Protein backbone atom coordinates (compact mmCIF):
# COMPACT_ATOMS: atom_id res chain seq x y z
CA UNK A 1 188.32 114.17 163.94
CA UNK A 2 185.30 112.18 165.04
CA UNK A 3 181.84 112.94 163.68
CA UNK A 4 178.81 111.39 165.34
CA UNK A 5 176.29 109.61 163.13
CA UNK A 6 173.31 110.34 165.32
CA UNK A 7 170.46 107.87 165.35
CA UNK A 8 168.60 109.97 167.88
CA UNK A 9 169.39 113.30 166.27
CA UNK A 10 167.64 113.10 162.90
CA UNK A 11 165.33 116.04 162.42
CA UNK A 12 164.05 115.52 158.89
CA UNK A 13 160.29 115.64 158.80
CA UNK A 14 159.97 117.29 162.20
CA UNK A 15 157.19 119.80 162.61
CA UNK A 16 158.21 123.39 162.01
CA UNK A 17 156.32 124.32 165.16
CA UNK A 18 158.31 122.13 167.55
CA UNK A 19 160.13 123.88 170.40
CA UNK A 20 163.15 121.56 170.09
CA UNK A 21 166.06 122.39 167.80
CA UNK A 22 168.89 120.22 166.52
CA UNK A 23 172.18 121.76 165.44
CA UNK A 24 175.72 120.69 164.59
CA UNK A 25 178.27 121.52 167.28
CA UNK A 26 181.89 121.74 166.14
CA UNK A 27 184.80 122.25 168.52
CA UNK A 28 188.53 122.41 168.00
CA UNK A 29 191.03 121.61 170.77
CA UNK A 30 188.52 122.38 173.52
CA UNK A 31 187.61 120.03 176.39
CA UNK A 32 184.02 118.83 176.05
CA UNK A 33 182.55 120.30 179.24
CA UNK A 34 184.43 123.56 178.72
CA UNK A 35 182.94 123.88 175.21
CA UNK A 36 179.44 123.21 176.54
CA UNK A 37 179.84 125.80 179.29
CA UNK A 38 181.16 128.44 176.89
CA UNK A 39 178.27 127.88 174.50
CA UNK A 40 175.62 127.80 177.25
CA UNK A 41 176.86 131.09 178.65
CA UNK A 42 176.66 132.73 175.25
CA UNK A 43 173.15 131.35 174.72
CA UNK A 44 172.09 132.45 178.21
CA UNK A 45 170.97 128.98 179.35
CA UNK A 46 172.07 126.44 181.94
CA UNK A 47 174.59 123.95 180.58
CA UNK A 48 172.24 121.07 181.45
CA UNK A 49 169.88 122.23 178.66
CA UNK A 50 172.42 121.30 175.97
CA UNK A 51 171.93 117.63 175.07
CA UNK A 52 174.44 115.52 173.15
CA UNK A 53 174.83 111.80 172.49
CA UNK A 54 178.40 111.58 173.76
CA UNK A 55 181.56 113.39 174.76
CA UNK A 56 184.22 114.24 172.19
CA UNK A 57 187.97 114.36 172.69
CA UNK A 58 189.72 117.64 173.37
CA UNK A 59 192.67 117.14 171.02
CA UNK A 60 190.70 116.88 167.80
CA UNK A 61 188.42 118.74 165.43
CA UNK A 62 185.06 117.14 166.24
CA UNK A 63 181.48 117.57 165.10
CA UNK A 64 178.32 116.17 166.67
CA UNK A 65 174.58 116.80 166.93
CA UNK A 66 173.21 118.78 169.86
CA UNK A 67 169.59 119.50 170.87
CA UNK A 68 168.14 122.37 172.87
CA UNK A 69 164.66 123.60 173.74
CA UNK A 70 162.96 127.02 173.69
CA UNK A 71 165.49 128.90 171.56
CA UNK A 72 165.14 130.15 168.00
CA UNK A 73 167.54 129.21 165.19
CA UNK A 74 168.65 132.84 165.07
CA UNK A 75 169.59 132.78 168.76
CA UNK A 76 171.66 129.62 168.29
CA UNK A 77 173.47 130.87 165.19
CA UNK A 78 174.21 134.22 166.86
CA UNK A 79 176.76 132.40 169.05
CA UNK A 80 179.13 132.01 166.09
CA UNK A 81 182.17 134.22 166.36
CA UNK A 82 181.68 134.72 170.09
CA UNK A 83 182.66 131.32 171.55
CA UNK A 84 186.35 130.48 171.29
CA UNK A 85 187.01 127.10 169.67
CA UNK A 86 183.31 126.40 169.05
CA UNK A 87 181.05 126.80 165.99
CA UNK A 88 177.40 125.87 165.41
CA UNK A 89 175.36 125.33 162.26
CA UNK A 90 172.81 123.18 160.39
CA UNK A 91 170.04 124.28 162.75
CA UNK A 92 166.67 122.61 162.15
CA UNK A 93 163.54 121.53 164.06
CA UNK A 94 164.01 118.32 166.05
CA UNK A 95 161.67 115.65 167.43
CA UNK A 96 160.00 116.64 170.68
CA UNK A 97 162.63 115.15 172.97
CA UNK A 98 166.22 115.70 174.03
CA UNK A 99 169.03 113.79 172.35
CA UNK A 100 169.97 111.12 174.88
CA UNK A 101 173.46 110.05 175.90
CA UNK A 102 174.49 107.08 173.75
CA UNK A 103 171.90 107.72 171.02
CA UNK A 104 174.23 107.47 168.05
CA UNK A 105 175.11 104.77 165.55
CA UNK A 106 178.83 105.38 165.60
CA UNK A 107 181.65 107.79 164.82
CA UNK A 108 183.70 108.42 161.69
CA UNK A 109 187.38 109.18 162.23
CA UNK A 110 190.16 110.56 160.09
CA UNK A 111 193.68 110.58 161.52
CA UNK A 112 197.07 111.55 160.15
CA UNK A 113 199.98 109.63 161.67
CA UNK A 114 203.17 111.62 161.32
CA UNK A 115 206.87 111.09 162.03
CA UNK A 116 207.92 114.46 163.47
CA UNK A 117 211.50 115.49 162.80
CA UNK A 118 212.25 112.64 160.38
CA UNK A 119 212.68 113.75 156.75
CA UNK A 120 213.52 111.82 153.58
CA UNK A 121 216.99 113.43 153.72
CA UNK A 122 217.51 112.01 157.22
CA UNK A 123 216.38 108.58 156.06
CA UNK A 124 218.70 108.60 153.05
CA UNK A 125 221.62 109.38 155.33
CA UNK A 126 220.61 106.57 157.68
CA UNK A 127 220.37 104.00 154.88
CA UNK A 128 217.48 101.69 153.91
CA UNK A 129 215.36 100.00 156.57
CA UNK A 130 215.96 96.26 156.81
CA UNK A 131 212.96 93.92 156.46
CA UNK A 132 213.79 92.18 159.74
CA UNK A 133 216.23 92.32 162.62
CA UNK A 134 219.07 89.87 163.10
CA UNK A 135 217.00 87.70 165.44
CA UNK A 136 214.04 87.61 163.04
CA UNK A 137 211.78 90.02 164.92
CA UNK A 138 209.50 92.43 163.05
CA UNK A 139 211.22 95.84 162.83
CA UNK A 140 209.83 98.96 164.48
CA UNK A 141 208.86 101.33 161.70
CA UNK A 142 207.92 104.99 161.78
CA UNK A 143 205.35 106.53 159.45
CA UNK A 144 208.28 107.78 157.39
CA UNK A 145 209.97 104.39 156.95
CA UNK A 146 207.18 101.84 156.82
CA UNK A 147 206.76 100.16 153.40
CA UNK A 148 203.29 100.48 151.88
CA UNK A 149 202.94 96.69 151.81
CA UNK A 150 203.34 96.61 155.60
CA UNK A 151 200.72 99.37 155.99
CA UNK A 152 198.28 97.42 153.81
CA UNK A 153 198.87 94.17 155.70
CA UNK A 154 198.40 95.85 159.09
CA UNK A 155 195.18 97.59 158.02
CA UNK A 156 193.72 94.44 156.48
CA UNK A 157 194.56 92.42 159.60
CA UNK A 158 192.92 95.05 161.81
CA UNK A 159 189.81 95.07 159.64
CA UNK A 160 189.60 91.26 159.69
CA UNK A 161 190.42 90.52 163.34
CA UNK A 162 189.40 93.70 165.10
CA UNK A 163 190.82 94.76 168.46
CA UNK A 164 190.07 94.47 172.16
CA UNK A 165 187.35 97.04 172.77
CA UNK A 166 189.10 98.84 175.62
CA UNK A 167 187.89 102.17 176.91
CA UNK A 168 190.40 104.77 175.76
CA UNK A 169 193.04 106.58 177.73
CA UNK A 170 190.98 109.76 177.59
CA UNK A 171 188.32 107.94 179.65
CA UNK A 172 190.37 105.90 182.12
CA UNK A 173 193.71 107.70 182.06
CA UNK A 174 197.08 106.57 180.75
CA UNK A 175 199.90 105.23 182.88
CA UNK A 176 201.99 108.24 183.80
CA UNK A 177 199.43 110.74 182.52
CA UNK A 178 198.69 113.58 184.98
CA UNK A 179 195.19 113.30 186.46
CA UNK A 180 194.60 109.64 185.63
CA UNK A 181 194.77 108.30 189.19
CA UNK A 182 192.85 111.39 190.38
CA UNK A 183 189.86 110.62 188.13
CA UNK A 184 189.72 107.03 189.35
CA UNK A 185 190.03 108.10 192.99
CA UNK A 186 187.12 110.53 192.65
CA UNK A 187 184.92 107.86 191.08
CA UNK A 188 185.88 105.45 193.85
CA UNK A 189 184.98 108.04 196.51
CA UNK A 190 181.58 108.75 194.92
CA UNK A 191 180.68 105.06 194.86
CA UNK A 192 181.63 104.77 198.54
CA UNK A 193 179.53 107.90 199.28
CA UNK A 194 182.64 109.62 200.64
CA UNK A 195 181.35 113.05 199.63
CA UNK A 196 184.00 115.26 201.21
CA UNK A 197 186.74 113.08 199.72
CA UNK A 198 185.14 113.42 196.28
CA UNK A 199 184.83 117.21 196.61
CA UNK A 200 188.47 117.48 197.62
CA UNK A 201 189.49 115.17 194.80
CA UNK A 202 187.96 117.59 192.30
CA UNK A 203 189.05 120.86 193.92
CA UNK A 204 192.25 120.17 195.86
CA UNK A 205 195.80 120.07 194.55
CA UNK A 206 196.57 116.39 193.77
CA UNK A 207 199.95 114.76 193.94
CA UNK A 208 200.08 114.34 190.14
CA UNK A 209 199.85 118.06 189.29
CA UNK A 210 202.57 117.94 186.63
CA UNK A 211 201.52 119.81 183.52
CA UNK A 212 198.86 121.86 185.34
CA UNK A 213 199.06 125.63 184.84
CA UNK A 214 200.14 127.92 187.66
CA UNK A 215 196.72 129.59 187.91
CA UNK A 216 194.91 126.29 188.39
CA UNK A 217 197.54 125.03 190.82
CA UNK A 218 197.20 128.16 192.98
CA UNK A 219 193.41 127.87 192.94
CA UNK A 220 193.57 124.24 194.10
CA UNK A 221 196.00 125.17 196.85
CA UNK A 222 193.62 127.94 197.95
CA UNK A 223 190.76 125.44 198.27
CA UNK A 224 192.92 123.10 200.36
CA UNK A 225 193.82 126.00 202.65
CA UNK A 226 190.44 127.76 202.96
CA UNK A 227 187.56 125.56 201.72
CA UNK A 228 185.79 128.83 200.84
CA UNK A 229 183.79 128.20 197.64
CA UNK A 230 182.83 131.83 197.08
CA UNK A 231 186.41 133.10 197.23
CA UNK A 232 187.88 130.13 195.36
CA UNK A 233 185.39 130.65 192.53
CA UNK A 234 187.22 133.91 191.84
CA UNK A 235 190.52 132.04 191.50
CA UNK A 236 189.72 129.04 189.31
CA UNK A 237 190.35 129.82 185.61
CA UNK A 238 187.45 129.79 183.17
CA UNK A 239 188.66 126.58 181.50
CA UNK A 240 188.42 124.67 184.82
CA UNK A 241 184.82 123.86 183.91
CA UNK A 242 184.09 121.04 186.36
CA UNK A 243 185.73 122.81 189.29
CA UNK A 244 183.77 126.00 188.66
CA UNK A 245 180.49 124.11 188.31
CA UNK A 246 181.04 122.37 191.63
CA UNK A 247 182.04 125.59 193.39
CA UNK A 248 178.88 127.30 192.12
CA UNK A 249 176.82 124.45 193.62
CA UNK A 250 178.75 124.62 196.90
CA UNK A 251 178.04 128.35 197.12
CA UNK A 252 174.34 127.55 196.65
CA UNK A 253 173.98 124.48 198.88
CA UNK A 254 176.89 124.62 201.32
CA UNK A 255 178.94 121.70 202.59
CA UNK A 256 177.08 120.71 205.76
CA UNK A 257 176.28 117.34 204.15
CA UNK A 258 179.87 116.88 202.99
CA UNK A 259 178.97 118.24 199.56
CA UNK A 260 176.47 115.52 198.63
CA UNK A 261 173.75 117.89 197.39
CA UNK A 262 176.25 119.98 195.44
CA UNK A 263 177.65 116.87 193.75
CA UNK A 264 174.22 115.41 192.99
CA UNK A 265 173.00 118.70 191.48
CA UNK A 266 175.67 118.70 188.77
CA UNK A 267 174.42 117.98 185.22
CA UNK A 268 173.90 114.26 184.65
CA UNK A 269 176.79 113.74 182.22
CA UNK A 270 179.11 115.78 184.43
CA UNK A 271 178.34 114.14 187.76
CA UNK A 272 178.75 110.64 186.32
CA UNK A 273 182.06 111.40 184.59
CA UNK A 274 184.28 110.02 187.34
CA UNK A 275 182.03 107.08 188.20
CA UNK A 276 182.13 106.07 184.54
CA UNK A 277 185.91 106.40 184.63
CA UNK A 278 186.00 103.95 187.55
CA UNK A 279 183.57 101.54 185.86
CA UNK A 280 185.48 101.73 182.58
CA UNK A 281 188.84 101.05 184.22
CA UNK A 282 187.38 97.96 185.88
CA UNK A 283 185.92 96.78 182.55
CA UNK A 284 189.36 97.17 180.95
CA UNK A 285 190.96 95.03 183.66
CA UNK A 286 188.32 92.35 183.22
CA UNK A 287 188.71 92.40 179.42
CA UNK A 288 192.46 91.87 179.80
CA UNK A 289 191.77 88.99 182.18
CA UNK A 290 189.25 87.43 179.75
CA UNK A 291 191.71 87.57 176.85
CA UNK A 292 194.61 86.29 178.96
CA UNK A 293 192.63 83.39 180.45
CA UNK A 294 190.65 82.23 177.41
CA UNK A 295 192.16 83.83 174.29
CA UNK A 296 190.25 85.33 171.37
CA UNK A 297 189.56 82.27 169.21
CA UNK A 298 185.92 82.01 170.24
CA UNK A 299 183.35 81.93 173.02
CA UNK A 300 184.02 79.61 175.96
CA UNK A 301 181.71 78.04 178.51
CA UNK A 302 180.55 80.63 181.04
CA UNK A 303 180.95 83.61 178.70
CA UNK A 304 178.09 86.06 178.22
CA UNK A 305 176.83 86.64 174.67
CA UNK A 306 174.32 89.08 173.26
CA UNK A 307 171.64 87.24 171.30
CA UNK A 308 170.79 88.36 167.76
CA UNK A 309 167.05 87.99 168.39
CA UNK A 310 167.19 89.68 171.81
CA UNK A 311 164.35 92.07 172.56
CA UNK A 312 166.82 94.65 173.88
CA UNK A 313 170.57 95.16 173.89
CA UNK A 314 170.52 94.21 177.58
CA UNK A 315 169.42 90.60 176.90
CA UNK A 316 172.32 88.17 177.23
CA UNK A 317 172.77 84.43 177.57
CA UNK A 318 175.40 82.28 179.25
CA UNK A 319 177.42 80.10 176.86
CA UNK A 320 177.02 76.38 177.58
CA UNK A 321 179.27 73.43 176.79
CA UNK A 322 176.84 72.47 174.01
CA UNK A 323 177.17 75.96 172.51
CA UNK A 324 180.96 75.61 172.46
CA UNK A 325 180.81 72.13 170.90
CA UNK A 326 178.52 73.44 168.15
CA UNK A 327 180.64 76.61 167.62
CA UNK A 328 177.42 78.55 168.04
CA UNK A 329 179.06 81.83 169.04
CA UNK A 330 182.17 83.69 167.90
CA UNK A 331 184.43 85.93 169.95
CA UNK A 332 182.58 88.93 168.49
CA UNK A 333 179.40 87.75 170.24
CA UNK A 334 181.08 87.79 173.66
CA UNK A 335 180.31 90.72 175.96
CA UNK A 336 181.48 91.75 179.40
CA UNK A 337 179.39 93.82 181.82
CA UNK A 338 180.15 97.38 182.75
CA UNK A 339 179.63 97.05 186.52
CA UNK A 340 176.13 97.86 187.69
CA UNK A 341 173.14 96.63 189.63
CA UNK A 342 171.17 95.22 186.68
CA UNK A 343 173.71 93.13 184.81
CA UNK A 344 174.78 89.50 184.86
CA UNK A 345 178.38 88.48 185.31
CA UNK A 346 180.26 85.70 183.49
CA UNK A 347 179.97 82.24 185.00
CA UNK A 348 183.65 81.44 184.90
CA UNK A 349 186.81 82.81 186.49
CA UNK A 350 186.27 86.35 185.18
CA UNK A 351 182.95 86.58 187.03
CA UNK A 352 184.75 85.65 190.24
CA UNK A 353 187.34 88.35 189.52
CA UNK A 354 184.60 90.99 189.28
CA UNK A 355 183.21 90.03 192.69
CA UNK A 356 186.67 89.92 194.24
CA UNK A 357 187.38 93.45 192.98
CA UNK A 358 184.08 94.77 194.38
CA UNK A 359 184.98 93.35 197.79
CA UNK A 360 188.57 94.58 197.69
CA UNK A 361 187.56 98.13 196.73
CA UNK A 362 184.51 98.31 199.00
CA UNK A 363 182.05 99.31 196.28
CA UNK A 364 178.53 98.19 195.47
CA UNK A 365 176.28 99.01 192.54
CA UNK A 366 173.13 97.56 194.12
CA UNK A 367 172.18 100.65 196.12
CA UNK A 368 170.08 103.64 195.16
CA UNK A 369 170.96 107.30 194.83
CA UNK A 370 172.53 109.28 192.02
CA UNK A 371 175.91 107.53 192.11
CA UNK A 372 175.42 104.09 193.67
CA UNK A 373 172.44 103.09 191.55
CA UNK A 374 174.33 102.58 188.28
CA UNK A 375 172.45 100.03 186.17
CA UNK A 376 175.44 98.81 184.18
CA UNK A 377 175.62 97.75 180.54
CA UNK A 378 177.21 95.19 178.25
CA UNK A 379 180.16 95.86 175.98
CA UNK A 380 181.61 93.60 173.26
CA UNK A 381 185.07 92.29 174.08
CA UNK A 382 186.16 92.56 170.44
CA UNK A 383 185.09 95.18 167.89
CA UNK A 384 186.09 95.85 164.30
CA UNK A 385 186.41 99.09 162.34
CA UNK A 386 184.19 99.50 159.28
CA UNK A 387 184.97 101.38 156.10
CA UNK A 388 188.68 101.32 156.85
CA UNK A 389 190.78 103.15 154.28
CA UNK A 390 194.37 104.32 154.22
CA UNK A 391 196.78 106.22 152.03
CA UNK A 392 200.39 107.29 152.24
CA UNK A 393 201.03 111.02 152.00
CA UNK A 394 204.45 111.41 150.45
CA UNK A 395 206.79 113.87 152.13
CA UNK A 396 209.37 116.31 150.88
CA UNK A 397 212.84 117.40 151.91
CA UNK A 398 211.29 119.41 154.75
CA UNK A 399 208.35 117.18 155.73
CA UNK A 400 208.22 113.50 156.57
CA UNK A 401 205.93 111.02 154.91
CA UNK A 402 202.63 110.54 156.76
CA UNK A 403 199.89 107.94 156.90
CA UNK A 404 196.20 108.89 156.59
CA UNK A 405 193.80 106.38 158.16
CA UNK A 406 189.99 106.65 158.08
CA UNK A 407 187.45 104.32 159.69
CA UNK A 408 184.08 104.10 161.43
CA UNK A 409 183.62 102.63 164.91
CA UNK A 410 180.43 101.66 166.76
CA UNK A 411 179.09 103.96 169.44
CA UNK A 412 181.29 103.85 172.53
CA UNK A 413 184.43 102.45 170.87
CA UNK A 414 187.63 104.47 170.97
CA UNK A 415 189.79 105.46 168.02
CA UNK A 416 192.85 105.59 170.28
CA UNK A 417 192.48 101.87 170.98
CA UNK A 418 192.00 101.10 167.29
CA UNK A 419 195.16 103.01 166.37
CA UNK A 420 197.00 101.38 169.28
CA UNK A 421 196.29 97.99 167.70
CA UNK A 422 197.25 99.22 164.24
CA UNK A 423 200.55 100.66 165.48
CA UNK A 424 201.22 97.76 167.89
CA UNK A 425 202.06 100.24 170.65
């Protein structure tokens, strides 16, 4: 589970008379937007009035701060027991502003890595694991077979060296995962101002519909056949949160403009979801290129680095030959830009790769408007987990041994990528 450590959510010392409230929002195996919609309906407010610092994964027990205005603590707490998969608590007055997206110091994670179907009895029958294969390669362990010394070495190496700070699969999609290419295609359409294509990408039946329930599949097919938002709204299931939001806007504004007004009227975090997916996927490709071309031993000439004495997190400098000769910057100082209209790009081959991709894909971040005017940001190429701890949970004849791993990551870093490095998968 990931718990946000909110820098922008602290409410201690706030005036008792403020009309803003802060509360803890816990959800269990519920998609983020679906949880927000369920809660907003119970509270009788528009979903855009619920403010959080970031999205949480569906497949986890998560807890984060949320702010809302013009409700009483009693009204917020009355939602408990009436919203499936969601609980609220720790309600208190908050500073007189909404919690902004990204306003958190980091997230604390606790994960149990299991070996399903493998028991100590099975392992005894299979014989002891060898320390290496015949050709000297490191063996592939499961959580049930890995020696504790190997666990300790892997965790210490991860803590010391860190990992490439990729955006996680839940943001950009995983190869072979249903919906991954669909999310990227929608973001691409929005950046090209192809409104009808974006609407259809959200509502129509895609080619990668494997794993989608029959009710949702039929609703998507109905949209493709009729393009009637009022009738299709009756067909989309309640957990199709984004689709239902868009259909409600299409009922209100129509599609004479291709759906532009409907798309732009979605809540900020919702309407940018697919654009951020597109930006994040491009950042991942550029990070892979940076590591492949120049390694991870240190900063190289032309890299961008964030300065320690910078006035803001957006201030960066270009690494010079003199900086490299003096070993002035480490690999942990190196950042790459999330594409946008207000960022610099590296002054080496990776910068040229960014520009080539923009041209190839026909996108620009220099325009205005809700989608094309993305400012961009900077993201460290390498990040390290803090407070990393681990323990082996011994199994029994009916349950395999498991590995418990706990760590804290900076805001915006993904536990899935940290565990990917730990597991070497």
